[in-house]
Amino acid sequence: MSEKLRIYLDSLFASYEDNKAVKEVKEQLFIDLQEKLNDLINDGYEEDEAFNKTIQSIGDISEIVDISDVEVKELQKLIDFSKSPLEGSDFRNVDVVGGEFNHSALEGADFSFSNLNKSSFKKSDLRNAKFEGTNLSGAEIIKSALRGASFKDAILDNTEFISSDLSGVSFDNLKLNSTVFKKTALTGTSFKNTVLKNVSFKYSQVKEADFDGALMDKLTYALLEGFKADLENATVI
């Protein structure tokens, strides 16, 4: 668990590795968080729950990194988790607006009930990741693996899935607004009872997807019909 905490902090402070002062701040923060983590475990918390509570206690990073020569816009880079080994990581209930998770190993990671508005996932391994109740509005998910991922109750307004593998993924009962599926693998992907408004499926495998009970606007229906999707049990609203 100590190594997991170290990896998390390394990702959080990646943009400032050349800054000696920030390194000192990070090292002291690691010691404090390690102590907090151990205390929570000793108090009877399971390791994963203790870790989640520990990282949530970090708070506003701008209050931690109090360095005069660091501009506010540079602090935004601290939400860059790119190229990180984060398999199975617990990101539940976190607020990472504009976060970058590019080229990252995130298989089995849990983002449930988090705010990932306008975040970026490019060439990332998101197999079996959980996005249940997650706000992914405006997020870009490009050339990523998503088999087994869960999107129950997720918010996907203006979310872009491009050149990604969504085979077997369920979008059942969701409300999709201006969501983009471009060049996506949709074999066995389910949109049962889903409401689709202004949703794009350009160059995607819509013939392999299930739209049973789906409700959609005229334009989305027409586009899917043109792509030879099975809309026998779909309804125009």
Protein backbone atom coordinates (compact mmCIF):
# COMPACT_ATOMS: atom_id res chain seq x y z
CA MET A 1 0.00 0.00 0.00
CA SER A 2 2.96 2.27 0.65
CA GLU A 3 4.14 1.76 -2.94
CA LYS A 4 0.64 2.56 -4.24
CA LEU A 5 0.69 5.82 -2.30
CA ARG A 6 4.13 6.65 -3.69
CA ILE A 7 2.93 6.05 -7.27
CA TYR A 8 -0.11 8.26 -6.68
CA LEU A 9 2.02 11.14 -5.40
CA ASP A 10 4.58 10.72 -8.18
CA SER A 11 1.77 11.15 -10.70
CA LEU A 12 0.31 14.12 -8.84
CA PHE A 13 3.62 15.98 -8.73
CA ALA A 14 5.00 14.78 -12.08
CA SER A 15 5.11 18.27 -13.58
CA TYR A 16 7.46 19.54 -10.87
CA GLU A 17 10.09 16.83 -10.63
CA ASP A 18 12.80 19.37 -11.52
CA ASN A 19 11.77 21.72 -8.74
CA LYS A 20 13.74 21.01 -5.56
CA ALA A 21 11.27 22.82 -3.30
CA VAL A 22 8.34 20.83 -4.62
CA LYS A 23 10.27 17.58 -4.13
CA GLU A 24 10.69 18.46 -0.47
CA VAL A 25 6.98 19.24 -0.18
CA LYS A 26 6.13 15.92 -1.80
CA GLU A 27 8.43 13.94 0.49
CA GLN A 28 6.98 15.54 3.60
CA LEU A 29 3.46 14.95 2.27
CA PHE A 30 4.31 11.30 1.65
CA ILE A 31 5.47 10.87 5.25
CA ASP A 32 2.33 12.53 6.61
CA LEU A 33 0.02 10.53 4.36
CA GLN A 34 1.80 7.28 5.14
CA GLU A 35 1.25 7.95 8.83
CA LYS A 36 -2.42 8.74 8.22
CA LEU A 37 -2.82 5.59 6.12
CA ASN A 38 -1.30 3.42 8.84
CA ASP A 39 -3.51 5.01 11.48
CA LEU A 40 -6.64 4.28 9.45
CA ILE A 41 -5.62 0.65 8.94
CA ASN A 42 -4.89 0.31 12.66
CA ASP A 43 -8.35 1.73 13.33
CA GLY A 44 -9.86 -1.19 11.44
CA TYR A 45 -10.37 0.17 7.93
CA GLU A 46 -9.77 -2.15 4.99
CA GLU A 47 -6.63 -1.21 3.06
CA ASP A 48 -8.49 0.05 -0.04
CA GLU A 49 -10.87 2.17 2.02
CA ALA A 50 -8.00 3.54 4.09
CA PHE A 51 -6.10 4.46 0.91
CA ASN A 52 -9.13 6.24 -0.56
CA LYS A 53 -9.69 8.26 2.61
CA THR A 54 -6.00 9.13 2.71
CA ILE A 55 -5.77 10.55 -0.82
CA GLN A 56 -9.07 12.41 -0.38
CA SER A 57 -7.54 14.19 2.60
CA ILE A 58 -4.94 15.85 0.35
CA GLY A 59 -7.37 18.66 -0.47
CA ASP A 60 -6.49 21.66 -2.62
CA ILE A 61 -3.06 21.04 -4.12
CA SER A 62 -2.53 24.80 -4.55
CA GLU A 63 -2.58 25.17 -0.77
CA ILE A 64 0.04 22.44 -0.42
CA VAL A 65 2.38 23.72 -3.11
CA ASP A 66 2.91 27.27 -1.85
CA ILE A 67 5.74 28.41 -4.13
CA SER A 68 5.92 31.99 -5.41
CA ASP A 69 7.39 31.15 -8.82
CA VAL A 70 4.71 28.60 -9.69
CA GLU A 71 1.90 30.09 -11.73
CA VAL A 72 -1.71 29.03 -11.29
CA LYS A 73 -1.92 27.65 -14.82
CA GLU A 74 1.03 25.38 -14.08
CA LEU A 75 -0.76 23.96 -11.05
CA GLN A 76 -3.39 22.60 -13.39
CA LYS A 77 -0.76 20.19 -14.69
CA LEU A 78 -0.89 18.37 -11.38
CA ILE A 79 -3.94 16.48 -12.57
CA ASP A 80 -1.84 14.67 -15.14
CA PHE A 81 -1.83 10.92 -14.50
CA SER A 82 -0.50 10.03 -17.94
CA LYS A 83 1.83 7.07 -18.46
CA SER A 84 1.11 5.76 -14.98
CA PRO A 85 0.64 2.17 -13.74
CA LEU A 86 -2.71 2.60 -11.98
CA GLU A 87 -4.34 -0.81 -12.39
CA GLY A 88 -7.15 -1.29 -9.88
CA SER A 89 -6.71 2.21 -8.42
CA ASP A 90 -9.51 3.73 -6.36
CA PHE A 91 -10.60 7.08 -7.81
CA ARG A 92 -14.11 7.01 -6.35
CA ASN A 93 -15.75 10.34 -5.55
CA VAL A 94 -12.79 12.42 -6.75
CA ASP A 95 -12.99 15.74 -8.60
CA VAL A 96 -10.50 15.67 -11.48
CA VAL A 97 -11.89 18.14 -14.03
CA GLY A 98 -9.68 18.20 -17.11
CA GLY A 99 -7.64 15.27 -15.85
CA GLU A 100 -5.20 13.56 -18.19
CA PHE A 101 -5.01 9.75 -18.11
CA ASN A 102 -3.24 9.23 -21.43
CA HIS A 103 -1.20 6.10 -22.12
CA SER A 104 -2.07 4.85 -18.64
CA ALA A 105 -2.68 1.32 -17.34
CA LEU A 106 -6.10 1.63 -15.66
CA GLU A 107 -7.52 -1.87 -15.94
CA GLY A 108 -10.03 -2.40 -13.15
CA ALA A 109 -9.72 1.19 -11.86
CA ASP A 110 -12.80 2.52 -10.05
CA PHE A 111 -13.94 6.04 -11.02
CA SER A 112 -17.45 5.66 -9.61
CA PHE A 113 -19.28 8.90 -8.75
CA SER A 114 -16.31 11.04 -9.75
CA ASN A 115 -16.27 14.27 -11.75
CA LEU A 116 -14.08 13.67 -14.82
CA ASN A 117 -15.57 16.48 -16.89
CA LYS A 118 -13.39 17.24 -19.96
CA SER A 119 -10.83 14.61 -18.98
CA SER A 120 -8.67 12.83 -21.53
CA PHE A 121 -8.06 9.10 -21.96
CA LYS A 122 -5.86 8.45 -25.00
CA LYS A 123 -4.45 5.01 -25.74
CA SER A 124 -5.32 3.90 -22.23
CA ASP A 125 -6.19 0.45 -20.90
CA LEU A 126 -9.64 0.87 -19.34
CA ARG A 127 -10.76 -2.73 -19.43
CA ASN A 128 -13.14 -3.56 -16.56
CA ALA A 129 -12.93 0.03 -15.29
CA LYS A 130 -15.93 1.34 -13.36
CA PHE A 131 -17.55 4.63 -14.37
CA GLU A 132 -20.78 4.12 -12.44
CA GLY A 133 -22.44 7.44 -11.73
CA THR A 134 -19.38 9.21 -13.15
CA ASN A 135 -19.57 12.59 -14.90
CA LEU A 136 -17.65 12.17 -18.17
CA SER A 137 -19.21 15.15 -19.93
CA GLY A 138 -16.91 16.49 -22.62
CA ALA A 139 -14.34 13.76 -21.99
CA GLU A 140 -12.24 12.35 -24.83
CA ILE A 141 -11.70 8.59 -24.87
CA ILE A 142 -9.50 7.85 -27.86
CA LYS A 143 -7.91 4.60 -29.06
CA SER A 144 -8.58 2.99 -25.70
CA ALA A 145 -9.60 -0.52 -24.62
CA LEU A 146 -12.92 -0.58 -22.73
CA ARG A 147 -14.11 -4.19 -22.76
CA GLY A 148 -15.84 -4.97 -19.49
CA ALA A 149 -16.10 -1.30 -18.48
CA SER A 150 -19.24 -0.26 -16.59
CA PHE A 151 -21.13 2.99 -17.30
CA LYS A 152 -24.25 2.51 -15.17
CA ASP A 153 -25.86 5.91 -14.44
CA ALA A 154 -22.89 7.72 -16.02
CA ILE A 155 -23.25 11.20 -17.55
CA LEU A 156 -21.92 11.14 -21.11
CA ASP A 157 -23.05 14.47 -22.57
CA ASN A 158 -20.68 15.50 -25.41
CA THR A 159 -18.37 12.60 -24.53
CA GLU A 160 -16.27 11.41 -27.48
CA PHE A 161 -15.45 7.72 -27.95
CA ILE A 162 -13.08 7.60 -30.92
CA SER A 163 -11.35 4.53 -32.37
CA SER A 164 -11.98 2.68 -29.11
CA ASP A 165 -13.11 -0.86 -28.34
CA LEU A 166 -16.53 -0.82 -26.67
CA SER A 167 -17.39 -4.42 -27.50
CA GLY A 168 -19.82 -5.89 -25.01
CA VAL A 169 -20.17 -2.66 -23.03
CA SER A 170 -23.63 -1.71 -21.73
CA PHE A 171 -25.07 1.78 -22.11
CA ASP A 172 -28.53 0.54 -21.11
CA ASN A 173 -31.03 3.02 -19.65
CA LEU A 174 -28.69 6.01 -20.05
CA LYS A 175 -29.51 9.40 -21.54
CA LEU A 176 -26.95 10.23 -24.22
CA ASN A 177 -26.82 13.82 -25.44
CA SER A 178 -24.48 14.78 -28.31
CA THR A 179 -22.33 11.75 -27.50
CA VAL A 180 -19.89 10.75 -30.25
CA PHE A 181 -19.07 7.17 -31.23
CA LYS A 182 -16.60 7.42 -34.10
CA LYS A 183 -14.77 4.42 -35.55
CA THR A 184 -15.71 2.43 -32.45
CA ALA A 185 -16.01 -1.35 -32.12
CA LEU A 186 -19.58 -2.04 -30.99
CA THR A 187 -19.86 -5.82 -31.26
CA GLY A 188 -22.37 -6.84 -28.60
CA THR A 189 -22.59 -3.29 -27.25
CA SER A 190 -26.01 -2.63 -25.72
CA PHE A 191 -28.14 0.51 -25.91
CA LYS A 192 -31.33 -1.09 -24.55
CA ASN A 193 -33.92 1.45 -23.39
CA THR A 194 -31.36 4.22 -23.90
CA VAL A 195 -32.40 7.75 -24.86
CA LEU A 196 -30.22 9.07 -27.71
CA LYS A 197 -30.34 12.71 -28.75
CA ASN A 198 -28.02 14.07 -31.44
CA VAL A 199 -25.74 11.04 -31.04
CA SER A 200 -23.16 10.30 -33.75
CA PHE A 201 -22.02 6.82 -34.85
CA LYS A 202 -19.81 7.67 -37.83
CA TYR A 203 -17.80 4.69 -39.12
CA SER A 204 -18.83 2.58 -36.10
CA GLN A 205 -20.04 -1.03 -36.06
CA VAL A 206 -23.69 -0.17 -35.41
CA LYS A 207 -24.93 -3.32 -37.13
CA GLU A 208 -23.37 -5.30 -34.28
CA ALA A 209 -25.01 -3.21 -31.52
CA ASP A 210 -28.34 -3.78 -29.71
CA PHE A 211 -30.83 -0.87 -29.82
CA ASP A 212 -33.79 -2.81 -28.40
CA GLY A 213 -36.23 -0.38 -26.76
CA ALA A 214 -34.03 2.65 -27.49
CA LEU A 215 -35.62 6.10 -27.87
CA MET A 216 -34.00 8.55 -30.26
CA ASP A 217 -34.53 11.78 -32.15
CA LYS A 218 -35.27 11.71 -35.88
CA LEU A 219 -31.75 12.62 -36.97
CA THR A 220 -30.06 9.93 -34.87
CA TYR A 221 -32.62 7.39 -36.08
CA ALA A 222 -32.05 8.35 -39.71
CA LEU A 223 -28.28 8.12 -39.40
CA LEU A 224 -28.41 4.71 -37.71
CA GLU A 225 -30.91 3.49 -40.29
CA GLY A 226 -28.53 4.62 -43.02
CA PHE A 227 -25.73 2.62 -41.37
CA LYS A 228 -28.00 -0.48 -41.43
CA ALA A 229 -28.46 -0.73 -37.66
CA ASP A 230 -31.24 -3.00 -36.40
CA LEU A 231 -33.89 -0.52 -35.25
CA GLU A 232 -36.88 -2.84 -35.30
CA ASN A 233 -37.68 -2.20 -31.64
CA ALA A 234 -36.37 1.39 -31.48
CA THR A 235 -38.68 4.38 -31.27
CA VAL A 236 -38.44 7.94 -32.62
CA ILE A 237 -39.27 10.64 -30.11
